[in-house]
Amino acid sequence: MLMLLNRTKEKSTYKKDRITERPLRSIIKTISWRIVGTLDTIMISWFLTGKIETALAIGSVELVTKMVLYFGHERLWNLIPYGKE
């Protein structure tokens, strides 16, 4: 816990963040978030339709489209210096 608190005190710079936040990191974050999001979508779809086949179809389409959108969104935000010191 102390290590985490010490890390938050370190000054971060836009240049440093831009170098350390590589596209591969965004890809890994995209995949992990989409697993969570897709499972949520499948569960909601199954609850609403009562059909697991329909829920899986909705989830599979949503998985691909939202990964592409999230990756683009993440990379665009990485270019914006707002909130970076």
PDB file of N, CA and C in Angstrom:
ATOM      1  N   MET A   1       0.827  -1.191   0.000  1.00  0.00           N
ATOM      2  CA  MET A   1       0.000   0.000   0.000  1.00  0.00           C
ATOM      3  C   MET A   1       0.872   1.255   0.000  1.00  0.00           C
ATOM      4  N   LEU A   2       1.913   1.240   0.821  1.00  0.00           N
ATOM      5  CA  LEU A   2       2.806   2.383   0.895  1.00  0.00           C
ATOM      6  C   LEU A   2       3.471   2.639  -0.452  1.00  0.00           C
ATOM      7  N   MET A   3       3.845   1.559  -1.135  1.00  0.00           N
ATOM      8  CA  MET A   3       4.463   1.705  -2.448  1.00  0.00           C
ATOM      9  C   MET A   3       3.497   2.374  -3.422  1.00  0.00           C
ATOM     10  N   LEU A   4       2.248   1.994  -3.369  1.00  0.00           N
ATOM     11  CA  LEU A   4       1.233   2.592  -4.236  1.00  0.00           C
ATOM     12  C   LEU A   4       1.087   4.084  -3.945  1.00  0.00           C
ATOM     13  N   LEU A   5       1.082   4.445  -2.672  1.00  0.00           N
ATOM     14  CA  LEU A   5       0.968   5.860  -2.310  1.00  0.00           C
ATOM     15  C   LEU A   5       2.186   6.637  -2.761  1.00  0.00           C
ATOM     16  N   ASN A   6       3.353   6.050  -2.657  1.00  0.00           N
ATOM     17  CA  ASN A   6       4.567   6.726  -3.111  1.00  0.00           C
ATOM     18  C   ASN A   6       4.556   6.932  -4.617  1.00  0.00           C
ATOM     19  N   ARG A   7       4.018   5.995  -5.350  1.00  0.00           N
ATOM     20  CA  ARG A   7       3.960   6.122  -6.811  1.00  0.00           C
ATOM     21  C   ARG A   7       3.056   7.265  -7.233  1.00  0.00           C
ATOM     22  N   THR A   8       1.996   7.523  -6.478  1.00  0.00           N
ATOM     23  CA  THR A   8       1.084   8.604  -6.857  1.00  0.00           C
ATOM     24  C   THR A   8       1.720   9.963  -6.646  1.00  0.00           C
ATOM     25  N   LYS A   9       2.742  10.039  -5.802  1.00  0.00           N
ATOM     26  CA  LYS A   9       3.421  11.305  -5.557  1.00  0.00           C
ATOM     27  C   LYS A   9       4.418  11.638  -6.661  1.00  0.00           C
ATOM     28  N   GLU A  10       4.831  10.629  -7.441  1.00  0.00           N
ATOM     29  CA  GLU A  10       5.786  10.874  -8.510  1.00  0.00           C
ATOM     30  C   GLU A  10       5.161  11.765  -9.569  1.00  0.00           C
ATOM     31  N   LYS A  11       5.955  12.707 -10.055  1.00  0.00           N
ATOM     32  CA  LYS A  11       5.485  13.584 -11.122  1.00  0.00           C
ATOM     33  C   LYS A  11       5.427  12.808 -12.425  1.00  0.00           C
ATOM     34  N   SER A  12       4.360  12.956 -13.117  1.00  0.00           N
ATOM     35  CA  SER A  12       4.196  12.326 -14.413  1.00  0.00           C
ATOM     36  C   SER A  12       4.227  13.424 -15.466  1.00  0.00           C
ATOM     37  N   THR A  13       4.824  13.118 -16.593  1.00  0.00           N
ATOM     38  CA  THR A  13       4.848  14.094 -17.667  1.00  0.00           C
ATOM     39  C   THR A  13       4.178  13.503 -18.893  1.00  0.00           C
ATOM     40  N   TYR A  14       3.665  14.371 -19.721  1.00  0.00           N
ATOM     41  CA  TYR A  14       3.020  13.916 -20.943  1.00  0.00           C
ATOM     42  C   TYR A  14       3.996  13.121 -21.800  1.00  0.00           C
ATOM     43  N   LYS A  15       5.225  13.620 -21.905  1.00  0.00           N
ATOM     44  CA  LYS A  15       6.229  12.944 -22.729  1.00  0.00           C
ATOM     45  C   LYS A  15       6.506  11.540 -22.190  1.00  0.00           C
ATOM     46  N   LYS A  16       6.655  11.419 -20.861  1.00  0.00           N
ATOM     47  CA  LYS A  16       6.907  10.112 -20.247  1.00  0.00           C
ATOM     48  C   LYS A  16       5.710   9.177 -20.462  1.00  0.00           C
ATOM     49  N   ASP A  17       4.500   9.668 -20.226  1.00  0.00           N
ATOM     50  CA  ASP A  17       3.307   8.845 -20.402  1.00  0.00           C
ATOM     51  C   ASP A  17       3.157   8.393 -21.844  1.00  0.00           C
ATOM     52  N   ARG A  18       3.482   9.267 -22.768  1.00  0.00           N
ATOM     53  CA  ARG A  18       3.335   8.940 -24.175  1.00  0.00           C
ATOM     54  C   ARG A  18       4.285   7.803 -24.559  1.00  0.00           C
ATOM     55  N   ILE A  19       5.458   7.802 -23.969  1.00  0.00           N
ATOM     56  CA  ILE A  19       6.434   6.753 -24.249  1.00  0.00           C
ATOM     57  C   ILE A  19       6.034   5.448 -23.561  1.00  0.00           C
ATOM     58  N   THR A  20       5.552   5.521 -22.333  1.00  0.00           N
ATOM     59  CA  THR A  20       5.262   4.308 -21.574  1.00  0.00           C
ATOM     60  C   THR A  20       3.916   3.685 -21.923  1.00  0.00           C
ATOM     61  N   GLU A  21       3.015   4.421 -22.462  1.00  0.00           N
ATOM     62  CA  GLU A  21       1.693   3.881 -22.831  1.00  0.00           C
ATOM     63  C   GLU A  21       1.749   3.449 -24.293  1.00  0.00           C
ATOM     64  N   ARG A  22       2.255   2.281 -24.506  1.00  0.00           N
ATOM     65  CA  ARG A  22       2.443   1.748 -25.855  1.00  0.00           C
ATOM     66  C   ARG A  22       1.143   1.145 -26.398  1.00  0.00           C
ATOM     67  N   PRO A  23       1.035   1.049 -27.726  1.00  0.00           N
ATOM     68  CA  PRO A  23      -0.161   0.445 -28.315  1.00  0.00           C
ATOM     69  C   PRO A  23      -0.440  -0.977 -27.818  1.00  0.00           C
ATOM     70  N   LEU A  24       0.595  -1.773 -27.556  1.00  0.00           N
ATOM     71  CA  LEU A  24       0.375  -3.137 -27.050  1.00  0.00           C
ATOM     72  C   LEU A  24      -0.367  -3.110 -25.717  1.00  0.00           C
ATOM     73  N   ARG A  25      -0.035  -2.150 -24.867  1.00  0.00           N
ATOM     74  CA  ARG A  25      -0.748  -2.017 -23.591  1.00  0.00           C
ATOM     75  C   ARG A  25      -2.228  -1.714 -23.845  1.00  0.00           C
ATOM     76  N   SER A  26      -2.497  -0.847 -24.800  1.00  0.00           N
ATOM     77  CA  SER A  26      -3.888  -0.533 -25.135  1.00  0.00           C
ATOM     78  C   SER A  26      -4.608  -1.761 -25.672  1.00  0.00           C
ATOM     79  N   ILE A  27      -3.920  -2.583 -26.442  1.00  0.00           N
ATOM     80  CA  ILE A  27      -4.529  -3.808 -26.971  1.00  0.00           C
ATOM     81  C   ILE A  27      -4.885  -4.760 -25.827  1.00  0.00           C
ATOM     82  N   ILE A  28      -3.961  -4.951 -24.883  1.00  0.00           N
ATOM     83  CA  ILE A  28      -4.221  -5.842 -23.749  1.00  0.00           C
ATOM     84  C   ILE A  28      -5.362  -5.311 -22.892  1.00  0.00           C
ATOM     85  N   LYS A  29      -5.379  -4.000 -22.636  1.00  0.00           N
ATOM     86  CA  LYS A  29      -6.478  -3.403 -21.881  1.00  0.00           C
ATOM     87  C   LYS A  29      -7.800  -3.561 -22.620  1.00  0.00           C
ATOM     88  N   THR A  30      -7.753  -3.413 -23.932  1.00  0.00           N
ATOM     89  CA  THR A  30      -8.951  -3.567 -24.757  1.00  0.00           C
ATOM     90  C   THR A  30      -9.519  -4.973 -24.612  1.00  0.00           C
ATOM     91  N   ILE A  31      -8.677  -5.971 -24.732  1.00  0.00           N
ATOM     92  CA  ILE A  31      -9.125  -7.369 -24.662  1.00  0.00           C
ATOM     93  C   ILE A  31      -9.691  -7.690 -23.277  1.00  0.00           C
ATOM     94  N   SER A  32      -8.979  -7.292 -22.220  1.00  0.00           N
ATOM     95  CA  SER A  32      -9.461  -7.615 -20.877  1.00  0.00           C
ATOM     96  C   SER A  32     -10.799  -6.923 -20.575  1.00  0.00           C
ATOM     97  N   TRP A  33     -10.924  -5.675 -20.990  1.00  0.00           N
ATOM     98  CA  TRP A  33     -12.187  -4.968 -20.755  1.00  0.00           C
ATOM     99  C   TRP A  33     -13.319  -5.578 -21.573  1.00  0.00           C
ATOM    100  N   ARG A  34     -13.037  -5.984 -22.797  1.00  0.00           N
ATOM    101  CA  ARG A  34     -14.082  -6.553 -23.633  1.00  0.00           C
ATOM    102  C   ARG A  34     -14.552  -7.894 -23.105  1.00  0.00           C
ATOM    103  N   ILE A  35     -13.701  -8.663 -22.485  1.00  0.00           N
ATOM    104  CA  ILE A  35     -14.144  -9.920 -21.880  1.00  0.00           C
ATOM    105  C   ILE A  35     -15.210  -9.625 -20.829  1.00  0.00           C
ATOM    106  N   VAL A  36     -14.926  -8.666 -19.972  1.00  0.00           N
ATOM    107  CA  VAL A  36     -15.894  -8.279 -18.942  1.00  0.00           C
ATOM    108  C   VAL A  36     -17.167  -7.736 -19.573  1.00  0.00           C
ATOM    109  N   GLY A  37     -17.014  -6.816 -20.505  1.00  0.00           N
ATOM    110  CA  GLY A  37     -18.181  -6.195 -21.142  1.00  0.00           C
ATOM    111  C   GLY A  37     -19.028  -7.182 -21.935  1.00  0.00           C
ATOM    112  N   THR A  38     -18.365  -8.094 -22.633  1.00  0.00           N
ATOM    113  CA  THR A  38     -19.105  -9.069 -23.436  1.00  0.00           C
ATOM    114  C   THR A  38     -19.868 -10.052 -22.555  1.00  0.00           C
ATOM    115  N   LEU A  39     -19.255 -10.496 -21.474  1.00  0.00           N
ATOM    116  CA  LEU A  39     -19.980 -11.377 -20.548  1.00  0.00           C
ATOM    117  C   LEU A  39     -21.213 -10.670 -19.993  1.00  0.00           C
ATOM    118  N   ASP A  40     -21.075  -9.395 -19.701  1.00  0.00           N
ATOM    119  CA  ASP A  40     -22.212  -8.608 -19.230  1.00  0.00           C
ATOM    120  C   ASP A  40     -23.308  -8.539 -20.299  1.00  0.00           C
ATOM    121  N   THR A  41     -22.920  -8.269 -21.527  1.00  0.00           N
ATOM    122  CA  THR A  41     -23.885  -8.189 -22.628  1.00  0.00           C
ATOM    123  C   THR A  41     -24.597  -9.521 -22.845  1.00  0.00           C
ATOM    124  N   ILE A  42     -23.843 -10.607 -22.792  1.00  0.00           N
ATOM    125  CA  ILE A  42     -24.436 -11.937 -22.970  1.00  0.00           C
ATOM    126  C   ILE A  42     -25.451 -12.223 -21.869  1.00  0.00           C
ATOM    127  N   MET A  43     -25.083 -11.907 -20.631  1.00  0.00           N
ATOM    128  CA  MET A  43     -26.010 -12.153 -19.513  1.00  0.00           C
ATOM    129  C   MET A  43     -27.284 -11.314 -19.652  1.00  0.00           C
ATOM    130  N   ILE A  44     -27.144 -10.058 -19.993  1.00  0.00           N
ATOM    131  CA  ILE A  44     -28.321  -9.192 -20.167  1.00  0.00           C
ATOM    132  C   ILE A  44     -29.173  -9.685 -21.331  1.00  0.00           C
ATOM    133  N   SER A  45     -28.524 -10.027 -22.444  1.00  0.00           N
ATOM    134  CA  SER A  45     -29.264 -10.518 -23.611  1.00  0.00           C
ATOM    135  C   SER A  45     -29.999 -11.805 -23.305  1.00  0.00           C
ATOM    136  N   TRP A  46     -29.367 -12.683 -22.570  1.00  0.00           N
ATOM    137  CA  TRP A  46     -29.990 -13.958 -22.190  1.00  0.00           C
ATOM    138  C   TRP A  46     -31.190 -13.705 -21.284  1.00  0.00           C
ATOM    139  N   PHE A  47     -31.020 -12.776 -20.335  1.00  0.00           N
ATOM    140  CA  PHE A  47     -32.103 -12.426 -19.435  1.00  0.00           C
ATOM    141  C   PHE A  47     -33.298 -11.850 -20.205  1.00  0.00           C
ATOM    142  N   LEU A  48     -33.022 -10.971 -21.162  1.00  0.00           N
ATOM    143  CA  LEU A  48     -34.104 -10.308 -21.902  1.00  0.00           C
ATOM    144  C   LEU A  48     -34.773 -11.204 -22.938  1.00  0.00           C
ATOM    145  N   THR A  49     -33.982 -12.061 -23.598  1.00  0.00           N
ATOM    146  CA  THR A  49     -34.555 -12.894 -24.663  1.00  0.00           C
ATOM    147  C   THR A  49     -34.935 -14.294 -24.197  1.00  0.00           C
ATOM    148  N   GLY A  50     -34.249 -14.765 -23.152  1.00  0.00           N
ATOM    149  CA  GLY A  50     -34.488 -16.130 -22.688  1.00  0.00           C
ATOM    150  C   GLY A  50     -33.839 -17.181 -23.590  1.00  0.00           C
ATOM    151  N   LYS A  51     -33.044 -16.724 -24.567  1.00  0.00           N
ATOM    152  CA  LYS A  51     -32.413 -17.646 -25.518  1.00  0.00           C
ATOM    153  C   LYS A  51     -30.898 -17.459 -25.481  1.00  0.00           C
ATOM    154  N   ILE A  52     -30.202 -18.511 -25.070  1.00  0.00           N
ATOM    155  CA  ILE A  52     -28.750 -18.416 -24.974  1.00  0.00           C
ATOM    156  C   ILE A  52     -28.116 -18.256 -26.349  1.00  0.00           C
ATOM    157  N   GLU A  53     -28.694 -18.864 -27.397  1.00  0.00           N
ATOM    158  CA  GLU A  53     -28.142 -18.732 -28.747  1.00  0.00           C
ATOM    159  C   GLU A  53     -28.162 -17.276 -29.211  1.00  0.00           C
ATOM    160  N   THR A  54     -29.267 -16.601 -28.971  1.00  0.00           N
ATOM    161  CA  THR A  54     -29.388 -15.189 -29.333  1.00  0.00           C
ATOM    162  C   THR A  54     -28.416 -14.343 -28.516  1.00  0.00           C
ATOM    163  N   ALA A  55     -28.314 -14.651 -27.239  1.00  0.00           N
ATOM    164  CA  ALA A  55     -27.410 -13.911 -26.362  1.00  0.00           C
ATOM    165  C   ALA A  55     -25.961 -14.066 -26.821  1.00  0.00           C
ATOM    166  N   LEU A  56     -25.556 -15.267 -27.209  1.00  0.00           N
ATOM    167  CA  LEU A  56     -24.193 -15.491 -27.688  1.00  0.00           C
ATOM    168  C   LEU A  56     -23.950 -14.792 -29.026  1.00  0.00           C
ATOM    169  N   ALA A  57     -24.946 -14.761 -29.888  1.00  0.00           N
ATOM    170  CA  ALA A  57     -24.806 -14.062 -31.171  1.00  0.00           C
ATOM    171  C   ALA A  57     -24.622 -12.560 -30.943  1.00  0.00           C
ATOM    172  N   ILE A  58     -25.445 -11.991 -30.084  1.00  0.00           N
ATOM    173  CA  ILE A  58     -25.329 -10.567 -29.764  1.00  0.00           C
ATOM    174  C   ILE A  58     -23.958 -10.293 -29.144  1.00  0.00           C
ATOM    175  N   GLY A  59     -23.542 -11.128 -28.210  1.00  0.00           N
ATOM    176  CA  GLY A  59     -22.261 -10.952 -27.541  1.00  0.00           C
ATOM    177  C   GLY A  59     -21.079 -11.045 -28.491  1.00  0.00           C
ATOM    178  N   SER A  60     -21.137 -11.951 -29.462  1.00  0.00           N
ATOM    179  CA  SER A  60     -20.006 -12.109 -30.382  1.00  0.00           C
ATOM    180  C   SER A  60     -19.859 -10.906 -31.324  1.00  0.00           C
ATOM    181  N   VAL A  61     -20.977 -10.364 -31.793  1.00  0.00           N
ATOM    182  CA  VAL A  61     -20.917  -9.168 -32.642  1.00  0.00           C
ATOM    183  C   VAL A  61     -20.430  -7.975 -31.827  1.00  0.00           C
ATOM    184  N   GLU A  62     -20.962  -7.826 -30.651  1.00  0.00           N
ATOM    185  CA  GLU A  62     -20.603  -6.724 -29.766  1.00  0.00           C
ATOM    186  C   GLU A  62     -19.123  -6.797 -29.386  1.00  0.00           C
ATOM    187  N   LEU A  63     -18.598  -7.991 -29.197  1.00  0.00           N
ATOM    188  CA  LEU A  63     -17.192  -8.168 -28.829  1.00  0.00           C
ATOM    189  C   LEU A  63     -16.261  -7.516 -29.851  1.00  0.00           C
ATOM    190  N   VAL A  64     -16.489  -7.797 -31.112  1.00  0.00           N
ATOM    191  CA  VAL A  64     -15.616  -7.288 -32.170  1.00  0.00           C
ATOM    192  C   VAL A  64     -15.777  -5.784 -32.356  1.00  0.00           C
ATOM    193  N   THR A  65     -17.003  -5.322 -32.486  1.00  0.00           N
ATOM    194  CA  THR A  65     -17.215  -3.899 -32.762  1.00  0.00           C
ATOM    195  C   THR A  65     -16.716  -3.015 -31.624  1.00  0.00           C
ATOM    196  N   LYS A  66     -16.954  -3.409 -30.394  1.00  0.00           N
ATOM    197  CA  LYS A  66     -16.547  -2.557 -29.280  1.00  0.00           C
ATOM    198  C   LYS A  66     -15.051  -2.618 -29.013  1.00  0.00           C
ATOM    199  N   MET A  67     -14.382  -3.709 -29.367  1.00  0.00           N
ATOM    200  CA  MET A  67     -12.923  -3.732 -29.238  1.00  0.00           C
ATOM    201  C   MET A  67     -12.285  -2.718 -30.181  1.00  0.00           C
ATOM    202  N   VAL A  68     -12.775  -2.686 -31.397  1.00  0.00           N
ATOM    203  CA  VAL A  68     -12.232  -1.744 -32.381  1.00  0.00           C
ATOM    204  C   VAL A  68     -12.499  -0.303 -31.934  1.00  0.00           C
ATOM    205  N   LEU A  69     -13.708  -0.031 -31.494  1.00  0.00           N
ATOM    206  CA  LEU A  69     -14.051   1.312 -31.033  1.00  0.00           C
ATOM    207  C   LEU A  69     -13.239   1.717 -29.807  1.00  0.00           C
ATOM    208  N   TYR A  70     -13.083   0.806 -28.852  1.00  0.00           N
ATOM    209  CA  TYR A  70     -12.340   1.123 -27.634  1.00  0.00           C
ATOM    210  C   TYR A  70     -10.868   1.387 -27.940  1.00  0.00           C
ATOM    211  N   PHE A  71     -10.266   0.580 -28.780  1.00  0.00           N
ATOM    212  CA  PHE A  71      -8.857   0.768 -29.119  1.00  0.00           C
ATOM    213  C   PHE A  71      -8.644   2.153 -29.734  1.00  0.00           C
ATOM    214  N   GLY A  72      -9.483   2.531 -30.682  1.00  0.00           N
ATOM    215  CA  GLY A  72      -9.385   3.851 -31.289  1.00  0.00           C
ATOM    216  C   GLY A  72      -9.577   4.957 -30.268  1.00  0.00           C
ATOM    217  N   HIS A  73     -10.544   4.794 -29.398  1.00  0.00           N
ATOM    218  CA  HIS A  73     -10.828   5.768 -28.347  1.00  0.00           C
ATOM    219  C   HIS A  73      -9.636   5.906 -27.406  1.00  0.00           C
ATOM    220  N   GLU A  74      -9.058   4.793 -27.004  1.00  0.00           N
ATOM    221  CA  GLU A  74      -7.907   4.789 -26.108  1.00  0.00           C
ATOM    222  C   GLU A  74      -6.710   5.496 -26.736  1.00  0.00           C
ATOM    223  N   ARG A  75      -6.442   5.208 -27.992  1.00  0.00           N
ATOM    224  CA  ARG A  75      -5.290   5.819 -28.665  1.00  0.00           C
ATOM    225  C   ARG A  75      -5.504   7.320 -28.869  1.00  0.00           C
ATOM    226  N   LEU A  76      -6.722   7.733 -29.176  1.00  0.00           N
ATOM    227  CA  LEU A  76      -7.002   9.162 -29.306  1.00  0.00           C
ATOM    228  C   LEU A  76      -6.798   9.887 -27.979  1.00  0.00           C
ATOM    229  N   TRP A  77      -7.293   9.309 -26.896  1.00  0.00           N
ATOM    230  CA  TRP A  77      -7.127   9.937 -25.588  1.00  0.00           C
ATOM    231  C   TRP A  77      -5.656   9.996 -25.182  1.00  0.00           C
ATOM    232  N   ASN A  78      -4.872   9.057 -25.653  1.00  0.00           N
ATOM    233  CA  ASN A  78      -3.449   9.083 -25.337  1.00  0.00           C
ATOM    234  C   ASN A  78      -2.752  10.279 -26.001  1.00  0.00           C
ATOM    235  N   LEU A  79      -3.330  10.807 -27.060  1.00  0.00           N
ATOM    236  CA  LEU A  79      -2.763  11.970 -27.747  1.00  0.00           C
ATOM    237  C   LEU A  79      -3.152  13.289 -27.094  1.00  0.00           C
ATOM    238  N   ILE A  80      -4.172  13.264 -26.266  1.00  0.00           N
ATOM    239  CA  ILE A  80      -4.683  14.484 -25.635  1.00  0.00           C
ATOM    240  C   ILE A  80      -3.923  14.735 -24.325  1.00  0.00           C
ATOM    241  N   PRO A  81      -3.268  15.891 -24.213  1.00  0.00           N
ATOM    242  CA  PRO A  81      -2.481  16.142 -23.010  1.00  0.00           C
ATOM    243  C   PRO A  81      -3.316  16.510 -21.778  1.00  0.00           C
ATOM    244  N   TYR A  82      -4.599  16.771 -21.948  1.00  0.00           N
ATOM    245  CA  TYR A  82      -5.442  17.181 -20.827  1.00  0.00           C
ATOM    246  C   TYR A  82      -5.377  16.144 -19.697  1.00  0.00           C
ATOM    247  N   GLY A  83      -5.109  16.612 -18.489  1.00  0.00           N
ATOM    248  CA  GLY A  83      -5.056  15.743 -17.326  1.00  0.00           C
ATOM    249  C   GLY A  83      -3.726  15.069 -17.101  1.00  0.00           C
ATOM    250  N   LYS A  84      -2.794  15.290 -18.018  1.00  0.00           N
ATOM    251  CA  LYS A  84      -1.450  14.759 -17.840  1.00  0.00           C
ATOM    252  C   LYS A  84      -0.563  15.922 -17.427  1.00  0.00           C
ATOM    253  N   GLU A  85       0.336  15.643 -16.500  1.00  0.00           N
ATOM    254  CA  GLU A  85       1.212  16.712 -16.030  1.00  0.00           C
ATOM    255  C   GLU A  85       2.551  16.641 -16.700  1.00  0.00           C
TER     256      GLU A  85
END
